[in-house]
Amino acid sequence: MAGLIVGLVTDTEGLPAVAQQRADLAEAGGVGADIRSLSARTQEDWHYGIASVLEDLGAGDTVLVTDLGAFGTRIDDVVERLAALVDRGVRFRSLNDGIDTGNDSAFGDAMVTLARAVQAGRDARTRAALRAYGGVHGATPPKARFVDEAAYLRVKSQD
């Protein structure tokens, strides 16, 4: 039995109109495609919107987008999302970019490697900021120094 096919449509500048994205994804995904819309106005909206679409997908499922830009605006976010899908056995296809992790395992492997490098870099920056702050009286550093709470929590748990 084939897995779930989810098309992700995003209403954002730089991408085709929503109607065109829907038509392209329906054609590529066939009758069984479940096309979901995301209208993100902030980076946080985008993060949580994409996460909610992807959270229930697993091995054998497929995510379709018309353009890689639908998967995020920051390269590290895009890489981490792609790596997470690859790790879970979810196929990713970007129609206009010619990306298909189902046909190109090297691409998926590269995304996993890049995601690990991004995480290691975040962890290193977080450790450096903690050392610079000095952790006076067990307090946490000023919030402005830590925009990546996940890296902070990961580093603190390793200490």
N, C-alpha and C. Protein backbone atom coordinates (compact mmCIF):
# COMPACT_ATOMS: atom_id res chain seq x y z
N MET A 1 0.84 -1.18 0.00
CA MET A 1 0.00 0.00 0.00
C MET A 1 0.89 1.25 0.00
N ALA A 2 0.59 2.18 -0.87
CA ALA A 2 1.36 3.42 -0.97
C ALA A 2 1.07 4.29 0.25
N GLY A 3 2.08 5.09 0.61
CA GLY A 3 1.94 5.98 1.75
C GLY A 3 1.13 7.21 1.40
N LEU A 4 0.97 8.05 2.37
CA LEU A 4 0.26 9.31 2.24
C LEU A 4 1.08 10.27 1.37
N ILE A 5 0.41 11.00 0.50
CA ILE A 5 1.05 12.04 -0.31
C ILE A 5 0.48 13.37 0.15
N VAL A 6 1.37 14.24 0.68
CA VAL A 6 0.94 15.55 1.18
C VAL A 6 1.61 16.63 0.35
N GLY A 7 0.80 17.48 -0.24
CA GLY A 7 1.31 18.63 -0.97
C GLY A 7 1.26 19.84 -0.06
N LEU A 8 2.35 20.59 -0.01
CA LEU A 8 2.42 21.78 0.83
C LEU A 8 2.39 23.02 -0.05
N VAL A 9 1.34 23.82 0.11
CA VAL A 9 1.15 25.06 -0.64
C VAL A 9 1.40 26.22 0.30
N THR A 10 2.24 27.15 -0.11
CA THR A 10 2.52 28.30 0.75
C THR A 10 2.19 29.59 0.02
N ASP A 11 1.51 30.46 0.73
CA ASP A 11 1.13 31.77 0.21
C ASP A 11 2.20 32.76 0.63
N THR A 12 3.22 32.90 -0.21
CA THR A 12 4.30 33.81 0.11
C THR A 12 4.90 34.37 -1.17
N GLU A 13 5.52 35.52 -1.02
CA GLU A 13 6.13 36.16 -2.17
C GLU A 13 7.25 35.30 -2.73
N GLY A 14 7.39 35.33 -4.04
CA GLY A 14 8.46 34.58 -4.68
C GLY A 14 8.04 33.21 -5.15
N LEU A 15 6.87 32.76 -4.74
CA LEU A 15 6.36 31.47 -5.18
C LEU A 15 5.17 31.69 -6.11
N PRO A 16 4.87 30.70 -6.93
CA PRO A 16 3.68 30.84 -7.78
C PRO A 16 2.42 31.07 -6.96
N ALA A 17 1.40 31.58 -7.60
CA ALA A 17 0.11 31.79 -6.93
C ALA A 17 -0.38 30.47 -6.33
N VAL A 18 -1.13 30.57 -5.25
CA VAL A 18 -1.63 29.39 -4.56
C VAL A 18 -2.40 28.47 -5.51
N ALA A 19 -3.23 29.04 -6.35
CA ALA A 19 -4.01 28.23 -7.29
C ALA A 19 -3.09 27.44 -8.22
N GLN A 20 -2.02 28.06 -8.68
CA GLN A 20 -1.08 27.37 -9.57
C GLN A 20 -0.33 26.27 -8.82
N GLN A 21 0.08 26.57 -7.59
CA GLN A 21 0.76 25.54 -6.78
C GLN A 21 -0.16 24.34 -6.58
N ARG A 22 -1.42 24.60 -6.24
CA ARG A 22 -2.39 23.52 -6.03
C ARG A 22 -2.54 22.66 -7.29
N ALA A 23 -2.66 23.31 -8.42
CA ALA A 23 -2.82 22.59 -9.68
C ALA A 23 -1.59 21.74 -9.98
N ASP A 24 -0.40 22.33 -9.81
CA ASP A 24 0.84 21.59 -10.08
C ASP A 24 1.00 20.40 -9.14
N LEU A 25 0.69 20.59 -7.87
CA LEU A 25 0.84 19.50 -6.91
C LEU A 25 -0.19 18.41 -7.13
N ALA A 26 -1.42 18.79 -7.47
CA ALA A 26 -2.45 17.79 -7.74
C ALA A 26 -2.06 16.94 -8.94
N GLU A 27 -1.51 17.57 -9.96
CA GLU A 27 -1.07 16.84 -11.15
C GLU A 27 0.08 15.89 -10.81
N ALA A 28 1.04 16.37 -10.03
CA ALA A 28 2.21 15.55 -9.69
C ALA A 28 1.87 14.45 -8.69
N GLY A 29 0.96 14.74 -7.77
CA GLY A 29 0.65 13.79 -6.71
C GLY A 29 -0.47 12.83 -7.05
N GLY A 30 -1.22 13.14 -8.06
CA GLY A 30 -2.32 12.27 -8.43
C GLY A 30 -3.54 12.51 -7.57
N VAL A 31 -4.51 11.64 -7.75
CA VAL A 31 -5.80 11.78 -7.08
C VAL A 31 -5.67 11.71 -5.56
N GLY A 32 -4.70 10.95 -5.06
CA GLY A 32 -4.59 10.73 -3.61
C GLY A 32 -3.87 11.83 -2.86
N ALA A 33 -3.44 12.90 -3.53
CA ALA A 33 -2.68 13.94 -2.84
C ALA A 33 -3.57 14.73 -1.88
N ASP A 34 -3.09 14.92 -0.68
CA ASP A 34 -3.74 15.73 0.34
C ASP A 34 -3.00 17.07 0.34
N ILE A 35 -3.59 18.10 -0.24
CA ILE A 35 -2.91 19.38 -0.39
C ILE A 35 -3.28 20.29 0.76
N ARG A 36 -2.26 20.75 1.49
CA ARG A 36 -2.47 21.59 2.67
C ARG A 36 -1.86 22.96 2.44
N SER A 37 -2.56 23.98 2.89
CA SER A 37 -2.11 25.36 2.69
C SER A 37 -1.46 25.91 3.94
N LEU A 38 -0.47 26.77 3.71
CA LEU A 38 0.23 27.45 4.79
C LEU A 38 0.39 28.90 4.39
N SER A 39 -0.11 29.79 5.22
CA SER A 39 0.02 31.22 4.96
C SER A 39 0.82 31.82 6.10
N ALA A 40 2.13 31.75 5.96
CA ALA A 40 3.03 32.19 7.03
C ALA A 40 3.43 33.65 6.83
N ARG A 41 3.25 34.44 7.84
CA ARG A 41 3.63 35.85 7.78
C ARG A 41 4.91 36.13 8.55
N THR A 42 5.27 35.24 9.47
CA THR A 42 6.50 35.40 10.23
C THR A 42 7.28 34.09 10.18
N GLN A 43 8.54 34.14 10.54
CA GLN A 43 9.37 32.93 10.58
C GLN A 43 8.78 31.92 11.56
N GLU A 44 8.26 32.41 12.68
CA GLU A 44 7.66 31.52 13.67
C GLU A 44 6.42 30.83 13.11
N ASP A 45 5.56 31.59 12.40
CA ASP A 45 4.39 30.99 11.75
C ASP A 45 4.82 29.88 10.81
N TRP A 46 5.85 30.16 10.05
CA TRP A 46 6.34 29.20 9.06
C TRP A 46 6.83 27.93 9.77
N HIS A 47 7.63 28.12 10.79
CA HIS A 47 8.19 26.98 11.52
C HIS A 47 7.08 26.07 12.06
N TYR A 48 6.14 26.66 12.79
CA TYR A 48 5.09 25.85 13.39
C TYR A 48 4.09 25.32 12.35
N GLY A 49 3.84 26.09 11.32
CA GLY A 49 2.94 25.63 10.26
C GLY A 49 3.48 24.42 9.54
N ILE A 50 4.76 24.48 9.16
CA ILE A 50 5.36 23.34 8.48
C ILE A 50 5.46 22.15 9.43
N ALA A 51 5.85 22.41 10.67
CA ALA A 51 5.96 21.32 11.65
C ALA A 51 4.63 20.60 11.81
N SER A 52 3.52 21.35 11.85
CA SER A 52 2.22 20.71 12.03
C SER A 52 1.83 19.86 10.82
N VAL A 53 2.25 20.27 9.63
CA VAL A 53 1.96 19.49 8.43
C VAL A 53 2.79 18.21 8.42
N LEU A 54 4.03 18.29 8.86
CA LEU A 54 4.96 17.17 8.73
C LEU A 54 4.97 16.20 9.90
N GLU A 55 4.44 16.60 11.06
CA GLU A 55 4.62 15.82 12.28
C GLU A 55 4.07 14.40 12.23
N ASP A 56 3.03 14.15 11.47
CA ASP A 56 2.44 12.81 11.46
C ASP A 56 2.91 11.94 10.31
N LEU A 57 3.84 12.46 9.50
CA LEU A 57 4.31 11.68 8.36
C LEU A 57 5.38 10.68 8.78
N GLY A 58 5.39 9.54 8.11
CA GLY A 58 6.37 8.51 8.44
C GLY A 58 6.85 7.80 7.19
N ALA A 59 7.55 6.71 7.42
CA ALA A 59 8.14 5.94 6.33
C ALA A 59 7.10 5.62 5.27
N GLY A 60 7.47 5.86 4.02
CA GLY A 60 6.59 5.57 2.90
C GLY A 60 5.72 6.73 2.46
N ASP A 61 5.62 7.77 3.29
CA ASP A 61 4.85 8.96 2.93
C ASP A 61 5.69 9.87 2.03
N THR A 62 5.02 10.81 1.36
CA THR A 62 5.69 11.74 0.45
C THR A 62 5.21 13.16 0.71
N VAL A 63 6.15 14.11 0.70
CA VAL A 63 5.83 15.54 0.76
C VAL A 63 6.16 16.13 -0.59
N LEU A 64 5.21 16.85 -1.17
CA LEU A 64 5.40 17.53 -2.44
C LEU A 64 5.34 19.04 -2.24
N VAL A 65 6.26 19.76 -2.87
CA VAL A 65 6.20 21.22 -2.94
C VAL A 65 6.51 21.60 -4.38
N THR A 66 6.04 22.77 -4.80
CA THR A 66 6.38 23.20 -6.15
C THR A 66 7.79 23.76 -6.20
N ASP A 67 8.24 24.33 -5.09
CA ASP A 67 9.53 25.00 -5.03
C ASP A 67 10.12 24.82 -3.65
N LEU A 68 11.42 24.64 -3.57
CA LEU A 68 12.08 24.44 -2.29
C LEU A 68 11.82 25.59 -1.33
N GLY A 69 11.58 26.80 -1.85
CA GLY A 69 11.27 27.96 -1.02
C GLY A 69 10.02 27.78 -0.18
N ALA A 70 9.16 26.85 -0.55
CA ALA A 70 7.96 26.58 0.24
C ALA A 70 8.30 25.88 1.55
N PHE A 71 9.51 25.39 1.65
CA PHE A 71 9.91 24.61 2.82
C PHE A 71 10.61 25.47 3.87
N GLY A 72 10.73 26.76 3.60
CA GLY A 72 11.31 27.67 4.57
C GLY A 72 12.11 28.76 3.90
N THR A 73 12.44 29.78 4.69
CA THR A 73 13.17 30.92 4.15
C THR A 73 14.63 30.94 4.59
N ARG A 74 14.97 30.14 5.58
CA ARG A 74 16.36 30.08 6.05
C ARG A 74 16.95 28.73 5.69
N ILE A 75 18.16 28.74 5.15
CA ILE A 75 18.77 27.51 4.67
C ILE A 75 18.92 26.47 5.77
N ASP A 76 19.28 26.89 6.98
CA ASP A 76 19.44 25.90 8.03
C ASP A 76 18.11 25.24 8.40
N ASP A 77 17.02 25.99 8.36
CA ASP A 77 15.70 25.40 8.62
C ASP A 77 15.33 24.40 7.53
N VAL A 78 15.56 24.77 6.29
CA VAL A 78 15.24 23.88 5.16
C VAL A 78 16.04 22.58 5.28
N VAL A 79 17.34 22.71 5.52
CA VAL A 79 18.21 21.54 5.62
C VAL A 79 17.75 20.64 6.77
N GLU A 80 17.46 21.23 7.92
CA GLU A 80 17.03 20.43 9.07
C GLU A 80 15.70 19.73 8.81
N ARG A 81 14.77 20.41 8.15
CA ARG A 81 13.48 19.78 7.83
C ARG A 81 13.67 18.62 6.86
N LEU A 82 14.50 18.83 5.84
CA LEU A 82 14.75 17.76 4.88
C LEU A 82 15.43 16.57 5.56
N ALA A 83 16.41 16.85 6.41
CA ALA A 83 17.10 15.77 7.11
C ALA A 83 16.14 14.98 8.00
N ALA A 84 15.24 15.69 8.68
CA ALA A 84 14.27 15.02 9.56
C ALA A 84 13.37 14.09 8.74
N LEU A 85 12.97 14.55 7.56
CA LEU A 85 12.14 13.69 6.70
C LEU A 85 12.91 12.46 6.26
N VAL A 86 14.14 12.66 5.82
CA VAL A 86 14.97 11.54 5.38
C VAL A 86 15.16 10.54 6.51
N ASP A 87 15.44 11.04 7.72
CA ASP A 87 15.62 10.16 8.88
C ASP A 87 14.37 9.32 9.16
N ARG A 88 13.21 9.87 8.87
CA ARG A 88 11.94 9.16 9.13
C ARG A 88 11.47 8.36 7.92
N GLY A 89 12.23 8.38 6.83
CA GLY A 89 11.86 7.60 5.65
C GLY A 89 10.77 8.25 4.80
N VAL A 90 10.60 9.57 4.95
CA VAL A 90 9.60 10.31 4.17
C VAL A 90 10.28 10.83 2.89
N ARG A 91 9.64 10.59 1.78
CA ARG A 91 10.15 11.06 0.50
C ARG A 91 9.80 12.54 0.34
N PHE A 92 10.72 13.32 -0.22
CA PHE A 92 10.51 14.74 -0.47
C PHE A 92 10.71 15.02 -1.94
N ARG A 93 9.74 15.72 -2.55
CA ARG A 93 9.86 16.11 -3.96
C ARG A 93 9.59 17.60 -4.10
N SER A 94 10.52 18.30 -4.75
CA SER A 94 10.33 19.70 -5.11
C SER A 94 10.28 19.75 -6.63
N LEU A 95 9.11 20.03 -7.15
CA LEU A 95 8.87 19.89 -8.59
C LEU A 95 9.76 20.80 -9.44
N ASN A 96 9.82 22.08 -9.11
CA ASN A 96 10.57 23.03 -9.94
C ASN A 96 12.08 22.91 -9.78
N ASP A 97 12.52 22.27 -8.69
CA ASP A 97 13.96 22.15 -8.43
C ASP A 97 14.52 20.80 -8.85
N GLY A 98 13.63 19.87 -9.22
CA GLY A 98 14.10 18.55 -9.63
C GLY A 98 14.63 17.70 -8.48
N ILE A 99 14.21 18.01 -7.27
CA ILE A 99 14.67 17.25 -6.10
C ILE A 99 13.66 16.15 -5.81
N ASP A 100 14.17 14.94 -5.64
CA ASP A 100 13.33 13.80 -5.28
C ASP A 100 14.18 12.84 -4.46
N THR A 101 14.00 12.87 -3.14
CA THR A 101 14.81 12.01 -2.27
C THR A 101 14.49 10.54 -2.48
N GLY A 102 13.37 10.24 -3.11
CA GLY A 102 13.04 8.85 -3.41
C GLY A 102 13.90 8.30 -4.53
N ASN A 103 14.41 9.17 -5.39
CA ASN A 103 15.24 8.74 -6.52
C ASN A 103 16.71 9.09 -6.33
N ASP A 104 17.02 9.88 -5.31
CA ASP A 104 18.40 10.34 -5.11
C ASP A 104 18.76 10.28 -3.64
N SER A 105 19.23 9.11 -3.21
CA SER A 105 19.55 8.96 -1.79
C SER A 105 20.76 9.80 -1.39
N ALA A 106 21.64 10.12 -2.34
CA ALA A 106 22.81 10.94 -2.02
C ALA A 106 22.38 12.33 -1.56
N PHE A 107 21.34 12.88 -2.17
CA PHE A 107 20.84 14.20 -1.77
C PHE A 107 20.35 14.15 -0.32
N GLY A 108 19.56 13.15 0.01
CA GLY A 108 19.05 13.01 1.37
C GLY A 108 20.17 12.82 2.37
N ASP A 109 21.16 12.01 2.02
CA ASP A 109 22.30 11.80 2.90
C ASP A 109 23.06 13.11 3.13
N ALA A 110 23.19 13.91 2.07
CA ALA A 110 23.87 15.21 2.19
C ALA A 110 23.10 16.13 3.13
N MET A 111 21.77 16.11 3.07
CA MET A 111 20.97 16.95 3.96
C MET A 111 21.16 16.54 5.42
N VAL A 112 21.24 15.24 5.67
CA VAL A 112 21.45 14.76 7.04
C VAL A 112 22.82 15.23 7.54
N THR A 113 23.84 15.11 6.70
CA THR A 113 25.19 15.55 7.07
C THR A 113 25.21 17.06 7.34
N LEU A 114 24.58 17.84 6.46
CA LEU A 114 24.53 19.28 6.65
C LEU A 114 23.77 19.65 7.93
N ALA A 115 22.68 18.97 8.20
CA ALA A 115 21.91 19.26 9.41
C ALA A 115 22.74 19.01 10.66
N ARG A 116 23.51 17.94 10.66
CA ARG A 116 24.38 17.66 11.81
C ARG A 116 25.43 18.75 11.97
N ALA A 117 25.96 19.24 10.84
CA ALA A 117 26.96 20.32 10.90
C ALA A 117 26.33 21.61 11.43
N VAL A 118 25.13 21.91 10.99
CA VAL A 118 24.42 23.11 11.48
C VAL A 118 24.21 23.00 12.99
N GLN A 119 23.76 21.83 13.44
CA GLN A 119 23.52 21.64 14.87
C GLN A 119 24.83 21.76 15.66
N ALA A 120 25.91 21.19 15.16
CA ALA A 120 27.20 21.29 15.84
C ALA A 120 27.65 22.75 15.93
N GLY A 121 27.42 23.52 14.87
CA GLY A 121 27.77 24.94 14.89
C GLY A 121 26.95 25.71 15.90
N ARG A 122 25.67 25.42 15.97
CA ARG A 122 24.81 26.09 16.96
C ARG A 122 25.26 25.75 18.37
N ASP A 123 25.57 24.48 18.58
CA ASP A 123 26.02 24.06 19.90
C ASP A 123 27.33 24.76 20.27
N ALA A 124 28.25 24.88 19.32
CA ALA A 124 29.53 25.55 19.59
C ALA A 124 29.31 27.02 19.93
N ARG A 125 28.45 27.70 19.19
CA ARG A 125 28.14 29.11 19.49
C ARG A 125 27.49 29.24 20.86
N THR A 126 26.63 28.31 21.19
CA THR A 126 25.95 28.33 22.49
C THR A 126 26.96 28.13 23.62
N ARG A 127 27.86 27.17 23.46
CA ARG A 127 28.89 26.95 24.50
C ARG A 127 29.75 28.19 24.67
N ALA A 128 30.13 28.82 23.55
CA ALA A 128 30.97 30.03 23.61
C ALA A 128 30.22 31.15 24.34
N ALA A 129 28.94 31.31 24.07
CA ALA A 129 28.15 32.35 24.72
C ALA A 129 28.01 32.05 26.22
N LEU A 130 27.83 30.79 26.57
CA LEU A 130 27.75 30.42 27.99
C LEU A 130 29.06 30.71 28.71
N ARG A 131 30.18 30.39 28.05
CA ARG A 131 31.48 30.68 28.65
C ARG A 131 31.67 32.19 28.81
N ALA A 132 31.28 32.96 27.79
CA ALA A 132 31.45 34.42 27.85
C ALA A 132 30.57 35.02 28.95
N TYR A 133 29.40 34.47 29.12
CA TYR A 133 28.47 34.99 30.14
C TYR A 133 28.93 34.60 31.53
N GLY A 134 29.49 33.40 31.62
CA GLY A 134 30.01 32.95 32.90
C GLY A 134 29.01 32.28 33.81
N GLY A 135 27.74 32.29 33.44
CA GLY A 135 26.73 31.62 34.25
C GLY A 135 26.71 32.09 35.69
N VAL A 136 26.75 33.39 35.92
CA VAL A 136 26.80 33.96 37.26
C VAL A 136 25.63 33.46 38.10
N HIS A 137 25.95 32.88 39.26
CA HIS A 137 24.95 32.43 40.23
C HIS A 137 23.94 31.47 39.62
N GLY A 138 24.36 30.69 38.63
CA GLY A 138 23.47 29.70 38.04
C GLY A 138 22.37 30.28 37.18
N ALA A 139 22.43 31.58 36.95
CA ALA A 139 21.39 32.22 36.13
C ALA A 139 21.62 31.87 34.66
N THR A 140 20.58 32.00 33.90
CA THR A 140 20.72 31.77 32.46
C THR A 140 21.14 33.07 31.80
N PRO A 141 21.82 32.98 30.67
CA PRO A 141 22.27 34.18 29.96
C PRO A 141 21.08 35.02 29.49
N PRO A 142 21.34 36.28 29.19
CA PRO A 142 20.26 37.13 28.68
C PRO A 142 19.65 36.51 27.43
N LYS A 143 18.34 36.65 27.30
CA LYS A 143 17.62 36.03 26.19
C LYS A 143 18.17 36.46 24.84
N ALA A 144 18.62 37.69 24.72
CA ALA A 144 19.13 38.18 23.44
C ALA A 144 20.30 37.34 22.94
N ARG A 145 21.02 36.72 23.84
CA ARG A 145 22.16 35.91 23.43
C ARG A 145 21.74 34.54 22.92
N PHE A 146 20.51 34.11 23.21
CA PHE A 146 20.06 32.78 22.83
C PHE A 146 18.75 32.82 22.06
N VAL A 147 18.85 32.87 20.77
CA VAL A 147 17.65 32.80 19.95
C VAL A 147 17.33 31.36 19.62
N ASP A 148 18.26 30.45 19.88
CA ASP A 148 18.05 29.04 19.61
C ASP A 148 17.94 28.29 20.94
N GLU A 149 16.75 28.27 21.47
CA GLU A 149 16.53 27.64 22.77
C GLU A 149 16.88 26.16 22.75
N ALA A 150 16.61 25.48 21.62
CA ALA A 150 16.92 24.04 21.54
C ALA A 150 18.41 23.79 21.73
N ALA A 151 19.26 24.64 21.11
CA ALA A 151 20.71 24.47 21.27
C ALA A 151 21.10 24.71 22.72
N TYR A 152 20.52 25.72 23.35
CA TYR A 152 20.82 26.01 24.76
C TYR A 152 20.47 24.80 25.64
N LEU A 153 19.29 24.26 25.46
CA LEU A 153 18.87 23.13 26.28
C LEU A 153 19.72 21.89 26.00
N ARG A 154 20.09 21.67 24.73
CA ARG A 154 20.92 20.52 24.37
C ARG A 154 22.30 20.64 25.03
N VAL A 155 22.90 21.82 24.95
CA VAL A 155 24.22 22.04 25.53
C VAL A 155 24.18 21.90 27.06
N LYS A 156 23.16 22.49 27.67
CA LYS A 156 23.03 22.41 29.14
C LYS A 156 22.86 20.96 29.59
N SER A 157 22.16 20.16 28.82
CA SER A 157 21.94 18.77 29.21
C SER A 157 23.22 17.94 29.08
N GLN A 158 24.16 18.40 28.28
CA GLN A 158 25.43 17.68 28.10
C GLN A 158 26.44 18.00 29.18
N ASP A 159 26.21 19.08 29.91
CA ASP A 159 27.14 19.48 30.98
C ASP A 159 27.02 18.61 32.20
